[in-house]
Amino acid sequence: MGDDYETIAALPDGRLSFDLLAGSVTHSGGTSPSLWITGELHAWLSARLVKEGIPVAELQTASLDVDFRTDRIATDKKKIVSFDFQCHSVLETSEKKYEGKLVERHTYHQRVKN
């Protein structure tokens, strides 16, 4: 996951929108960053659906939006980056919508030294 932190640290603060059914992610700046976690989330959802006996066709939406900031705590970003994450997930069928939220503040990432 360290490579993902490096990739996210290089992006402007904003939103990562994951489509868990398609296994894709887009940044609010219009790019589609290559993140390891994207495939992991897609694989996790697929495995859970199989385990629970839920056909993937039942889901209309499976999304995760992650708003992130790196500016709330001043750091030397060449050495360490402080992330604030606000996550919102949605799983939706024709009958019901399930939502989840998580706020994670001050996740520190020690930068990879070149």
C-alpha atoms as a PDB file:
ATOM      1  CA  MET A   1       0.000   0.000   0.000  1.00  0.00           C
ATOM      2  CA  GLY A   2       3.032   2.277   0.355  1.00  0.00           C
ATOM      3  CA  ASP A   3       3.088   2.803  -3.407  1.00  0.00           C
ATOM      4  CA  ASP A   4      -0.558   3.928  -3.240  1.00  0.00           C
ATOM      5  CA  TYR A   5       0.302   6.513  -0.589  1.00  0.00           C
ATOM      6  CA  GLU A   6       3.082   7.797  -2.843  1.00  0.00           C
ATOM      7  CA  THR A   7       0.664   8.045  -5.773  1.00  0.00           C
ATOM      8  CA  ILE A   8      -1.994   9.806  -3.690  1.00  0.00           C
ATOM      9  CA  ALA A   9       0.580  12.187  -2.174  1.00  0.00           C
ATOM     10  CA  ALA A  10       1.471  13.296  -5.712  1.00  0.00           C
ATOM     11  CA  LEU A  11      -2.165  14.159  -6.490  1.00  0.00           C
ATOM     12  CA  PRO A  12      -3.844  17.433  -5.583  1.00  0.00           C
ATOM     13  CA  ASP A  13      -6.152  17.167  -2.573  1.00  0.00           C
ATOM     14  CA  GLY A  14      -9.589  16.057  -3.696  1.00  0.00           C
ATOM     15  CA  ARG A  15     -11.733  12.972  -4.109  1.00  0.00           C
ATOM     16  CA  LEU A  16     -10.960   9.441  -5.203  1.00  0.00           C
ATOM     17  CA  SER A  17     -14.091   7.759  -6.558  1.00  0.00           C
ATOM     18  CA  PHE A  18     -13.917   3.978  -6.689  1.00  0.00           C
ATOM     19  CA  ASP A  19     -16.377   1.961  -8.774  1.00  0.00           C
ATOM     20  CA  LEU A  20     -16.114  -1.372  -6.971  1.00  0.00           C
ATOM     21  CA  LEU A  21     -18.097  -3.253  -9.611  1.00  0.00           C
ATOM     22  CA  ALA A  22     -15.848  -2.116 -12.461  1.00  0.00           C
ATOM     23  CA  GLY A  23     -12.645  -2.139 -10.398  1.00  0.00           C
ATOM     24  CA  SER A  24     -11.774   1.434 -11.373  1.00  0.00           C
ATOM     25  CA  VAL A  25     -10.888   4.720  -9.684  1.00  0.00           C
ATOM     26  CA  THR A  26     -10.929   8.338 -10.785  1.00  0.00           C
ATOM     27  CA  HIS A  27      -9.571  11.458  -9.109  1.00  0.00           C
ATOM     28  CA  SER A  28     -11.647  14.639  -8.946  1.00  0.00           C
ATOM     29  CA  GLY A  29      -8.959  16.267 -11.088  1.00  0.00           C
ATOM     30  CA  GLY A  30      -9.995  14.022 -13.992  1.00  0.00           C
ATOM     31  CA  THR A  31      -7.186  11.462 -13.858  1.00  0.00           C
ATOM     32  CA  SER A  32      -7.400   7.713 -13.278  1.00  0.00           C
ATOM     33  CA  PRO A  33      -4.511   6.915 -10.941  1.00  0.00           C
ATOM     34  CA  SER A  34      -3.121   3.399 -10.855  1.00  0.00           C
ATOM     35  CA  LEU A  35      -3.722   2.219  -7.277  1.00  0.00           C
ATOM     36  CA  TRP A  36      -3.123  -1.277  -5.926  1.00  0.00           C
ATOM     37  CA  ILE A  37      -6.068  -0.924  -3.542  1.00  0.00           C
ATOM     38  CA  THR A  38      -8.485  -0.598  -6.469  1.00  0.00           C
ATOM     39  CA  GLY A  39      -8.020  -4.227  -7.504  1.00  0.00           C
ATOM     40  CA  GLU A  40      -8.040  -5.366  -3.880  1.00  0.00           C
ATOM     41  CA  LEU A  41     -11.384  -3.692  -3.190  1.00  0.00           C
ATOM     42  CA  HIS A  42     -12.870  -5.167  -6.365  1.00  0.00           C
ATOM     43  CA  ALA A  43     -11.608  -8.662  -5.455  1.00  0.00           C
ATOM     44  CA  TRP A  44     -12.845  -8.309  -1.852  1.00  0.00           C
ATOM     45  CA  LEU A  45     -16.351  -7.312  -2.976  1.00  0.00           C
ATOM     46  CA  SER A  46     -16.482 -10.137  -5.519  1.00  0.00           C
ATOM     47  CA  ALA A  47     -15.441 -12.682  -2.877  1.00  0.00           C
ATOM     48  CA  ARG A  48     -17.990 -11.366  -0.353  1.00  0.00           C
ATOM     49  CA  LEU A  49     -20.787 -11.555  -2.908  1.00  0.00           C
ATOM     50  CA  VAL A  50     -19.897 -15.188  -3.663  1.00  0.00           C
ATOM     51  CA  LYS A  51     -19.635 -16.022   0.044  1.00  0.00           C
ATOM     52  CA  GLU A  52     -23.042 -14.456   0.770  1.00  0.00           C
ATOM     53  CA  GLY A  53     -24.660 -15.996  -2.329  1.00  0.00           C
ATOM     54  CA  ILE A  54     -25.541 -12.621  -3.811  1.00  0.00           C
ATOM     55  CA  PRO A  55     -25.441 -12.386  -7.612  1.00  0.00           C
ATOM     56  CA  VAL A  56     -23.390  -9.390  -8.739  1.00  0.00           C
ATOM     57  CA  ALA A  57     -26.294  -8.456 -11.035  1.00  0.00           C
ATOM     58  CA  GLU A  58     -28.302  -7.597  -7.887  1.00  0.00           C
ATOM     59  CA  LEU A  59     -26.080  -4.599  -7.231  1.00  0.00           C
ATOM     60  CA  GLN A  60     -26.848  -1.397  -9.069  1.00  0.00           C
ATOM     61  CA  THR A  61     -24.126   0.559  -7.282  1.00  0.00           C
ATOM     62  CA  ALA A  62     -21.022  -0.350  -5.315  1.00  0.00           C
ATOM     63  CA  SER A  63     -18.968   2.765  -4.750  1.00  0.00           C
ATOM     64  CA  LEU A  64     -16.459   4.260  -2.372  1.00  0.00           C
ATOM     65  CA  ASP A  65     -15.672   7.976  -2.342  1.00  0.00           C
ATOM     66  CA  VAL A  66     -12.582   9.053  -0.430  1.00  0.00           C
ATOM     67  CA  ASP A  67     -12.087  12.755   0.164  1.00  0.00           C
ATOM     68  CA  PHE A  68      -8.520  13.441   1.213  1.00  0.00           C
ATOM     69  CA  ARG A  69      -6.433  16.364   2.376  1.00  0.00           C
ATOM     70  CA  THR A  70      -2.722  16.602   3.018  1.00  0.00           C
ATOM     71  CA  ASP A  71      -2.571  20.210   4.193  1.00  0.00           C
ATOM     72  CA  ARG A  72      -4.175  20.182   7.645  1.00  0.00           C
ATOM     73  CA  ILE A  73      -0.904  19.447   9.432  1.00  0.00           C
ATOM     74  CA  ALA A  74       2.196  21.152   8.099  1.00  0.00           C
ATOM     75  CA  THR A  75       4.960  18.662   7.327  1.00  0.00           C
ATOM     76  CA  ASP A  76       8.038  18.519   5.151  1.00  0.00           C
ATOM     77  CA  LYS A  77       6.237  16.668   2.357  1.00  0.00           C
ATOM     78  CA  LYS A  78       9.545  15.446   0.961  1.00  0.00           C
ATOM     79  CA  LYS A  79       9.858  13.287   4.096  1.00  0.00           C
ATOM     80  CA  ILE A  80       6.391  12.723   5.528  1.00  0.00           C
ATOM     81  CA  VAL A  81       2.802  13.341   4.472  1.00  0.00           C
ATOM     82  CA  SER A  82      -0.188  13.641   6.776  1.00  0.00           C
ATOM     83  CA  PHE A  83      -3.422  12.378   5.244  1.00  0.00           C
ATOM     84  CA  ASP A  84      -6.958  13.093   6.390  1.00  0.00           C
ATOM     85  CA  PHE A  85      -9.452  10.689   4.828  1.00  0.00           C
ATOM     86  CA  GLN A  86     -13.244  10.935   4.772  1.00  0.00           C
ATOM     87  CA  CYS A  87     -14.811   7.838   3.256  1.00  0.00           C
ATOM     88  CA  HIS A  88     -18.363   7.232   2.080  1.00  0.00           C
ATOM     89  CA  SER A  89     -19.442   3.878   0.670  1.00  0.00           C
ATOM     90  CA  VAL A  90     -22.684   2.879  -1.038  1.00  0.00           C
ATOM     91  CA  LEU A  91     -24.050  -0.535  -1.937  1.00  0.00           C
ATOM     92  CA  GLU A  92     -27.400  -0.312  -3.677  1.00  0.00           C
ATOM     93  CA  THR A  93     -29.898  -2.828  -5.015  1.00  0.00           C
ATOM     94  CA  SER A  94     -33.320  -2.211  -6.495  1.00  0.00           C
ATOM     95  CA  GLU A  95     -34.761  -2.752  -3.012  1.00  0.00           C
ATOM     96  CA  LYS A  96     -32.351  -1.129  -0.582  1.00  0.00           C
ATOM     97  CA  LYS A  97     -29.436   1.250  -0.203  1.00  0.00           C
ATOM     98  CA  TYR A  98     -26.657   0.634   2.316  1.00  0.00           C
ATOM     99  CA  GLU A  99     -24.268   3.429   3.260  1.00  0.00           C
ATOM    100  CA  GLY A 100     -21.188   3.626   5.427  1.00  0.00           C
ATOM    101  CA  LYS A 101     -18.931   6.453   6.568  1.00  0.00           C
ATOM    102  CA  LEU A 102     -15.466   6.571   8.093  1.00  0.00           C
ATOM    103  CA  VAL A 103     -13.275   9.515   9.011  1.00  0.00           C
ATOM    104  CA  GLU A 104      -9.592   8.834   9.544  1.00  0.00           C
ATOM    105  CA  ARG A 105      -7.417  11.744  10.551  1.00  0.00           C
ATOM    106  CA  HIS A 106      -3.650  12.012  10.716  1.00  0.00           C
ATOM    107  CA  THR A 107      -2.542   8.943   8.844  1.00  0.00           C
ATOM    108  CA  TYR A 108       1.163   9.543   8.363  1.00  0.00           C
ATOM    109  CA  HIS A 109       3.168   8.192   5.477  1.00  0.00           C
ATOM    110  CA  GLN A 110       6.960   8.165   5.604  1.00  0.00           C
ATOM    111  CA  ARG A 111       8.092   8.989   2.077  1.00  0.00           C
ATOM    112  CA  VAL A 112      10.170   6.523   0.131  1.00  0.00           C
ATOM    113  CA  LYS A 113      13.725   7.754  -0.136  1.00  0.00           C
ATOM    114  CA  ASN A 114      15.284   7.687  -3.583  1.00  0.00           C
END
